[in-house]
């Protein structure tokens, strides 16, 4: 895997978003790799918890890579491009083990959506977090209908 680092030790799985040069922004490849890892974790009875974090000191996740995931797309194109990450969020939110988002740096937009899919979020005091899609003139592209499970939301289909 290129865009995530997956480790496993003492029944704890760690998934580290690995695009620090892009502030760990999610692209199509990262979405595919996260999907594969979550399927593996769901089937592995030896894993007892998951930590999700970002590589580097600057950002947990800047959200979706706007060079790849947004632009002049039709409604159908946008739906097919964004749906896989929505599915990743659903799989993360419904993972049958405790999940922790370690926000080791800033989290914006889709990065907050990703953190929201975890059971617990723990962040650094001097980092910045926010759903900034409105200022960009876009809506949260990954979350669909949600209902409150842990104060931040849980997506369902």
Protein backbone atom coordinates (compact mmCIF):
# COMPACT_ATOMS: atom_id res chain seq x y z
CA UNK A 1 0.00 0.00 0.00
CA UNK A 2 1.25 3.47 -0.84
CA UNK A 3 -1.22 5.92 0.66
CA UNK A 4 -1.71 4.27 4.04
CA UNK A 5 0.55 2.50 6.51
CA UNK A 6 -1.08 -0.46 8.24
CA UNK A 7 0.48 -2.00 11.33
CA UNK A 8 -0.75 -4.48 13.89
CA UNK A 9 0.68 -5.07 17.36
CA UNK A 10 -0.77 -6.51 20.58
CA UNK A 11 -4.30 -6.77 19.13
CA UNK A 12 -4.26 -3.06 18.15
CA UNK A 13 -4.36 -2.14 14.47
CA UNK A 14 -3.05 1.24 13.38
CA UNK A 15 -3.94 2.84 10.07
CA UNK A 16 -1.87 5.88 9.20
CA UNK A 17 -2.88 8.11 6.30
CA UNK A 18 0.33 8.49 4.31
CA UNK A 19 0.27 11.51 2.01
CA UNK A 20 1.96 14.11 4.21
CA UNK A 21 3.06 16.16 1.19
CA UNK A 22 -0.69 16.65 0.48
CA UNK A 23 -1.62 17.06 4.16
CA UNK A 24 -2.90 13.44 4.05
CA UNK A 25 -5.72 14.40 1.67
CA UNK A 26 -7.84 11.47 0.54
CA UNK A 27 -7.62 10.47 -3.11
CA UNK A 28 -9.08 7.50 -5.00
CA UNK A 29 -6.13 5.26 -4.21
CA UNK A 30 -6.35 5.99 -0.49
CA UNK A 31 -10.08 5.26 -0.57
CA UNK A 32 -9.42 1.86 -2.17
CA UNK A 33 -6.66 1.03 0.31
CA UNK A 34 -8.78 2.06 3.31
CA UNK A 35 -11.62 -0.09 2.02
CA UNK A 36 -9.35 -3.14 1.75
CA UNK A 37 -7.91 -2.66 5.24
CA UNK A 38 -11.33 -2.19 6.83
CA UNK A 39 -12.62 -5.38 5.20
CA UNK A 40 -9.55 -7.21 6.57
CA UNK A 41 -10.10 -5.78 10.06
CA UNK A 42 -13.77 -6.72 10.03
CA UNK A 43 -12.86 -10.35 9.40
CA UNK A 44 -9.91 -10.58 11.82
CA UNK A 45 -11.14 -11.73 15.23
CA UNK A 46 -7.73 -11.07 16.81
CA UNK A 47 -7.91 -7.29 16.31
CA UNK A 48 -9.45 -5.66 19.37
CA UNK A 49 -9.19 -1.96 18.46
CA UNK A 50 -8.15 0.46 15.71
CA UNK A 51 -6.23 3.72 15.82
CA UNK A 52 -6.59 5.98 12.78
CA UNK A 53 -4.05 8.79 12.40
CA UNK A 54 -2.05 10.73 9.84
CA UNK A 55 1.61 10.67 8.84
CA UNK A 56 3.67 13.69 9.84
CA UNK A 57 3.09 16.49 12.33
CA UNK A 58 1.10 18.90 10.17
CA UNK A 59 -2.22 17.26 9.41
CA UNK A 60 -4.43 14.36 10.36
CA UNK A 61 -6.33 14.76 7.09
CA UNK A 62 -7.09 17.79 4.92
CA UNK A 63 -10.18 16.05 3.54
CA UNK A 64 -10.64 15.10 -0.07
CA UNK A 65 -7.89 15.91 -2.55
CA UNK A 66 -9.64 18.72 -4.41
CA UNK A 67 -7.42 18.23 -7.46
CA UNK A 68 -8.88 14.76 -7.88
CA UNK A 69 -12.27 14.59 -6.18
CA UNK A 70 -13.93 17.88 -7.11
CA UNK A 71 -14.22 20.07 -10.13
CA UNK A 72 -16.45 20.23 -13.15
CA UNK A 73 -18.24 16.95 -12.60
CA UNK A 74 -21.75 16.03 -13.52
CA UNK A 75 -24.03 14.80 -10.76
CA UNK A 76 -23.57 11.20 -11.92
CA UNK A 77 -19.77 11.56 -12.09
CA UNK A 78 -19.60 13.15 -8.63
CA UNK A 79 -21.79 10.42 -7.14
CA UNK A 80 -19.69 7.58 -8.57
CA UNK A 81 -16.47 9.33 -7.51
CA UNK A 82 -17.56 10.11 -3.94
CA UNK A 83 -19.63 7.01 -3.13
CA UNK A 84 -16.66 4.72 -2.40
CA UNK A 85 -15.45 7.01 0.41
CA UNK A 86 -18.97 7.20 1.82
CA UNK A 87 -18.86 3.41 1.96
CA UNK A 88 -15.48 3.55 3.74
CA UNK A 89 -16.97 5.88 6.36
CA UNK A 90 -19.88 3.52 6.87
CA UNK A 91 -17.54 0.52 7.25
CA UNK A 92 -15.39 2.46 9.74
CA UNK A 93 -18.40 3.65 11.74
CA UNK A 94 -19.86 0.15 11.96
CA UNK A 95 -16.60 -1.70 12.62
CA UNK A 96 -17.31 -4.08 15.52
CA UNK A 97 -14.26 -2.92 17.51
CA UNK A 98 -13.52 0.38 19.27
CA UNK A 99 -12.02 2.97 16.92
CA UNK A 100 -9.95 6.00 17.89
CA UNK A 101 -9.05 8.91 15.63
CA UNK A 102 -5.75 10.38 16.83
CA UNK A 103 -5.86 13.84 15.24
CA UNK A 104 -2.12 14.43 15.21
CA UNK A 105 -2.59 17.68 13.28
CA UNK A 106 -5.23 19.72 11.46
CA UNK A 107 -8.42 18.06 10.21
CA UNK A 108 -10.59 19.86 7.71
CA UNK A 109 -13.73 18.99 5.79
CA UNK A 110 -13.60 15.32 4.86
CA UNK A 111 -10.88 14.82 7.47
CA UNK A 112 -13.48 15.69 10.11
CA UNK A 113 -15.93 13.34 8.39
CA UNK A 114 -13.32 10.59 8.67
CA UNK A 115 -12.69 11.36 12.35
CA UNK A 116 -16.44 11.50 12.97
CA UNK A 117 -16.81 7.91 11.80
CA UNK A 118 -14.59 6.79 14.71
CA UNK A 119 -15.95 6.10 18.19
CA UNK A 120 -13.50 8.46 19.92
CA UNK A 121 -11.53 11.46 18.68
CA UNK A 122 -8.47 12.76 20.46
CA UNK A 123 -6.66 15.79 19.08
CA UNK A 124 -3.78 18.12 19.77
CA UNK A 125 -4.64 21.42 21.45
CA UNK A 126 -2.85 23.59 18.86
CA UNK A 127 -4.34 21.93 15.80
CA UNK A 128 -7.28 23.27 13.83
CA UNK A 129 -10.44 21.28 13.10
CA UNK A 130 -13.49 22.17 11.06
CA UNK A 131 -16.10 21.33 8.48
CA UNK A 132 -15.15 23.99 5.93
CA UNK A 133 -17.13 22.75 2.95
CA UNK A 134 -19.62 25.63 3.18
CA UNK A 135 -16.90 28.23 2.73
CA UNK A 136 -15.78 26.36 -0.39
CA UNK A 137 -19.31 26.25 -1.79
CA UNK A 138 -19.58 22.47 -1.55
CA UNK A 139 -21.53 20.10 0.67
CA UNK A 140 -20.05 17.26 2.71
CA UNK A 141 -19.61 14.72 -0.05
CA UNK A 142 -19.07 11.55 1.89
CA UNK A 143 -21.66 11.49 4.64
CA UNK A 144 -25.23 10.66 3.71
CA UNK A 145 -28.12 10.41 6.13
CA UNK A 146 -26.77 10.38 9.65
CA UNK A 147 -28.06 9.76 13.08
CA UNK A 148 -26.32 10.49 16.34
CA UNK A 149 -24.48 7.59 17.92
CA UNK A 150 -21.55 9.29 19.54
CA UNK A 151 -22.28 13.00 19.37
CA UNK A 152 -20.64 13.53 15.98
CA UNK A 153 -22.77 11.26 13.82
CA UNK A 154 -22.84 7.88 12.21
CA UNK A 155 -23.65 7.41 8.57
CA UNK A 156 -25.95 4.80 7.21
CA UNK A 157 -27.22 3.94 3.76
